Protein backbone atom coordinates (compact mmCIF):
# COMPACT_ATOMS: atom_id res chain seq x y z
CA MET A 1 0.00 0.00 0.00
CA PRO A 2 1.55 3.37 -1.01
CA ARG A 3 2.31 5.93 1.68
CA PRO A 4 -0.30 8.73 1.71
CA ALA A 5 0.86 12.28 0.97
CA LEU A 6 -0.13 13.42 4.46
CA GLU A 7 -0.30 11.27 7.59
CA VAL A 8 -1.57 11.89 11.12
CA ALA A 9 2.06 11.77 12.26
CA ASP A 10 2.93 14.66 9.92
CA ILE A 11 0.14 16.78 11.42
CA PHE A 12 1.18 15.86 14.96
CA ARG A 13 4.83 16.73 14.25
CA SER A 14 3.90 20.07 12.66
CA HIS A 15 1.15 21.23 14.99
CA GLY A 16 1.29 18.93 18.03
CA PRO A 17 3.62 21.01 20.25
CA ALA A 18 1.52 24.17 19.87
CA TRP A 19 -1.74 22.25 20.30
CA ARG A 20 -0.49 20.51 23.46
CA THR A 21 0.62 23.88 24.89
CA ALA A 22 -2.79 25.40 24.13
CA ASN A 23 -4.54 22.45 25.80
CA VAL A 24 -2.39 21.99 28.91
CA GLY A 25 -4.47 20.45 31.66
CA HIS A 26 -7.05 19.01 29.29
CA LEU A 27 -5.07 16.04 27.98
CA SER A 28 -4.58 12.78 29.80
CA LEU A 29 -1.22 11.05 30.13
CA GLY A 30 -2.53 8.34 27.78
CA GLN A 31 -3.38 10.91 25.10
CA LEU A 32 0.04 12.53 25.41
CA LYS A 33 1.75 9.15 25.17
CA ALA A 34 -0.29 8.22 22.09
CA MET A 35 0.64 11.49 20.35
CA ALA A 36 4.33 11.01 21.19
CA ALA A 37 4.27 7.42 19.91
CA ILE A 38 2.56 8.40 16.64
CA GLU A 39 5.04 11.24 16.09
CA ALA A 40 8.01 8.89 16.64
CA CYS A 41 6.60 5.92 14.72
CA ARG A 42 8.87 4.69 11.91
CA THR A 43 11.43 7.41 12.51
CA ALA A 44 15.08 7.26 13.60
CA GLU A 45 13.88 8.10 17.12
CA LEU A 46 12.73 4.49 17.59
CA GLY A 47 15.73 2.94 15.86
CA GLY A 48 15.56 0.57 12.96
CA HIS A 49 17.48 -1.84 10.77
CA VAL A 50 19.25 -1.81 7.43
CA ALA A 51 18.62 -4.24 4.60
CA ALA A 52 21.48 -4.25 2.08
CA CYS A 53 21.98 -6.04 -1.23
CA GLU A 54 25.01 -8.31 -1.05
CA ASP A 55 25.76 -7.77 -4.74
CA CYS A 56 25.45 -4.00 -5.31
CA GLY A 57 25.46 -2.73 -1.76
CA HIS A 58 22.16 -0.83 -2.15
CA ALA A 59 20.76 -0.28 1.34
CA VAL A 60 17.28 0.44 2.62
CA ILE A 61 16.64 1.70 6.16
CA SER A 62 13.47 0.50 7.85
CA TYR A 63 12.58 2.29 11.07
CA ASN A 64 10.79 0.56 13.92
CA SER A 65 7.07 0.97 14.57
CA CYS A 66 5.68 2.34 17.82
CA GLY A 67 3.05 -0.40 18.22
CA ASN A 68 0.64 2.00 19.91
CA ARG A 69 -2.97 0.86 19.59
CA HIS A 70 -4.01 4.34 18.43
CA CYS A 71 -1.40 4.59 15.67
CA PRO A 72 -2.99 4.43 12.21
CA LYS A 73 0.23 3.06 10.66
CA CYS A 74 0.66 0.27 13.21
CA GLN A 75 -3.02 -0.64 13.44
CA GLY A 76 -3.86 -0.52 9.71
CA ALA A 77 -3.53 -4.30 9.27
CA ALA A 78 -5.49 -4.96 12.47
CA ALA A 79 -8.25 -2.62 11.28
CA ARG A 80 -8.47 -4.42 7.94
CA GLN A 81 -8.62 -7.79 9.73
CA TRP A 82 -11.37 -6.53 12.08
CA LEU A 83 -13.37 -5.30 9.10
CA ALA A 84 -13.02 -8.64 7.30
CA GLU A 85 -14.19 -10.48 10.44
CA ARG A 86 -17.24 -8.21 10.77
CA GLU A 87 -18.07 -8.68 7.06
CA ALA A 88 -17.99 -12.45 7.60
CA GLU A 89 -20.67 -12.05 10.29
CA LEU A 90 -23.17 -10.29 8.04
CA LEU A 91 -26.57 -11.90 7.60
CA PRO A 92 -28.04 -12.27 4.10
CA LEU A 93 -30.17 -9.13 4.29
CA PRO A 94 -29.82 -5.35 3.90
CA TYR A 95 -28.23 -3.22 6.61
CA HIS A 96 -28.75 0.36 7.72
CA HIS A 97 -26.25 2.91 9.02
CA VAL A 98 -27.63 4.74 12.08
CA VAL A 99 -25.81 7.52 13.96
CA PHE A 100 -26.51 8.73 17.50
CA THR A 101 -24.91 12.09 18.35
CA LEU A 102 -24.58 13.88 21.67
CA PRO A 103 -25.88 17.46 21.80
CA SER A 104 -22.95 19.89 22.02
CA ALA A 105 -23.79 20.87 25.62
CA ILE A 106 -23.51 17.24 26.74
CA GLY A 107 -20.44 16.83 24.56
CA THR A 108 -18.76 19.44 26.74
CA ILE A 109 -19.65 17.39 29.84
CA ALA A 110 -18.33 14.26 28.11
CA TRP A 111 -14.94 15.91 27.63
CA GLN A 112 -14.37 15.71 31.40
CA ASN A 113 -16.42 12.55 32.11
CA LYS A 114 -15.68 10.28 29.16
CA THR A 115 -16.29 6.87 30.75
CA GLU A 116 -19.61 7.81 32.30
CA VAL A 117 -21.03 9.77 29.37
CA TYR A 118 -19.86 7.37 26.67
CA SER A 119 -21.31 4.43 28.62
CA LEU A 120 -24.65 6.26 28.86
CA LEU A 121 -24.52 7.05 25.13
CA PHE A 122 -23.97 3.37 24.26
CA LYS A 123 -26.78 2.34 26.64
CA ALA A 124 -29.25 4.91 25.28
CA ALA A 125 -28.42 4.13 21.65
CA SER A 126 -28.69 0.35 22.02
CA GLU A 127 -31.88 0.51 24.11
CA THR A 128 -33.43 2.86 21.54
CA MET A 129 -32.68 0.48 18.65
CA LEU A 130 -33.86 -2.60 20.58
CA THR A 131 -37.09 -0.86 21.64
CA ILE A 132 -37.94 0.36 18.15
CA ALA A 133 -37.11 -3.01 16.56
CA ALA A 134 -39.21 -4.89 19.13
CA ASP A 135 -42.28 -2.75 18.40
CA PRO A 136 -44.65 -4.71 16.09
CA LYS A 137 -45.37 -1.48 14.20
CA HIS A 138 -41.75 -1.53 13.04
CA LEU A 139 -39.98 -4.91 13.00
CA GLY A 140 -41.48 -6.80 15.93
CA ALA A 141 -38.25 -8.62 16.66
CA ARG A 142 -35.08 -8.65 18.72
CA ILE A 143 -32.11 -7.46 16.72
CA GLY A 144 -28.37 -7.26 17.14
CA VAL A 145 -26.24 -4.27 16.20
CA THR A 146 -22.60 -3.40 15.74
CA ALA A 147 -21.77 -0.08 17.41
CA VAL A 148 -18.57 1.99 17.25
CA LEU A 149 -17.85 5.16 19.22
CA HIS A 150 -16.22 8.10 17.46
CA SER A 151 -15.18 10.87 19.83
CA TRP A 152 -14.07 13.24 17.03
CA GLY A 153 -15.87 14.56 14.00
CA SER A 154 -14.55 14.94 10.46
CA ALA A 155 -13.37 18.47 11.33
CA LEU A 156 -11.15 16.93 14.07
CA THR A 157 -13.16 18.61 16.83
CA HIS A 158 -14.61 16.89 19.88
CA HIS A 159 -17.89 15.43 18.62
CA PRO A 160 -18.92 12.21 20.40
CA HIS A 161 -21.22 10.01 18.33
CA ILE A 162 -21.96 6.32 17.79
CA HIS A 163 -22.17 4.66 14.41
CA MET A 164 -24.40 1.59 14.28
CA ILE A 165 -24.79 -1.04 11.62
CA VAL A 166 -28.33 -2.39 12.03
CA PRO A 167 -29.85 -5.38 10.20
CA GLY A 168 -32.84 -4.53 8.04
CA GLY A 169 -34.64 -7.80 8.69
CA VAL A 170 -34.97 -10.81 10.99
CA SER A 171 -35.80 -14.48 10.82
CA SER A 172 -39.49 -14.81 10.06
CA LYS A 173 -39.92 -17.90 12.26
CA PRO A 174 -38.47 -19.03 15.59
CA CYS A 175 -35.50 -21.35 15.36
CA ALA A 176 -34.17 -23.87 17.86
CA ASN A 177 -30.78 -23.87 16.22
CA PRO A 178 -28.25 -22.32 18.65
CA LEU A 179 -26.59 -20.70 15.63
CA HIS A 180 -29.81 -18.84 14.84
CA LEU A 181 -28.58 -15.51 16.20
CA ALA A 182 -25.40 -16.07 14.22
CA CYS A 183 -26.73 -17.32 10.90
CA ARG A 184 -23.67 -15.80 9.36
CA ASP A 185 -21.60 -18.62 7.94
CA PRO A 186 -22.93 -19.81 4.57
CA LYS A 187 -21.87 -23.34 5.54
CA ASN A 188 -23.93 -23.53 8.73
CA ALA A 189 -27.21 -25.36 9.18
CA CYS A 190 -29.36 -22.23 8.99
CA ALA A 191 -28.01 -21.27 5.59
CA ALA A 192 -28.53 -24.88 4.48
CA ASN A 193 -32.17 -24.39 5.53
CA THR A 194 -32.31 -27.51 7.70
CA CYS A 195 -33.82 -25.43 10.51
CA GLY A 196 -36.21 -23.42 8.35
CA CYS A 197 -34.66 -19.98 8.89
CA ARG A 198 -36.03 -17.36 6.55
CA PHE A 199 -34.94 -13.74 6.59
CA ALA A 200 -37.53 -11.08 5.90
């Protein structure tokens, strides 16, 4: 995969010191460590190794990665693997993208109380989806969702919101198969229709 023209590390190296100075007292130690790791990732600061051709002597320096879980360079492969695993879990029906966003006034409270407010946001969002789906006027069924918290918006400002991937249908008849809630693998009994699962 080619290196992008601009990376998060480039932005952090250019603007990070001034931004950290302007936000003294508002950043956790974990956030500061993540920024430092991303800035140093794959640079001489972390060391590296040299691969050289024995015939012509051409050498290539490869710098070490930071390994930080927030680093987009280090976690790119893990993110792609996670996405492939989630795609393998998809049921044979349409899905909907639903977003739950905190009002800006509560977003300000969340800045200082992340664990509590984000937990409440997840709870409210999931209970809302389960309640609406269970209503016979809508779907009349129990659903599952995949939910991901984003604490920043596209403008890189604090903007807590949850993205949900919600199935657009359910099995039209009860199923005793324990795989029923995970009728995901095309090789399983549900997909083979031995249990009578039908998605509507």
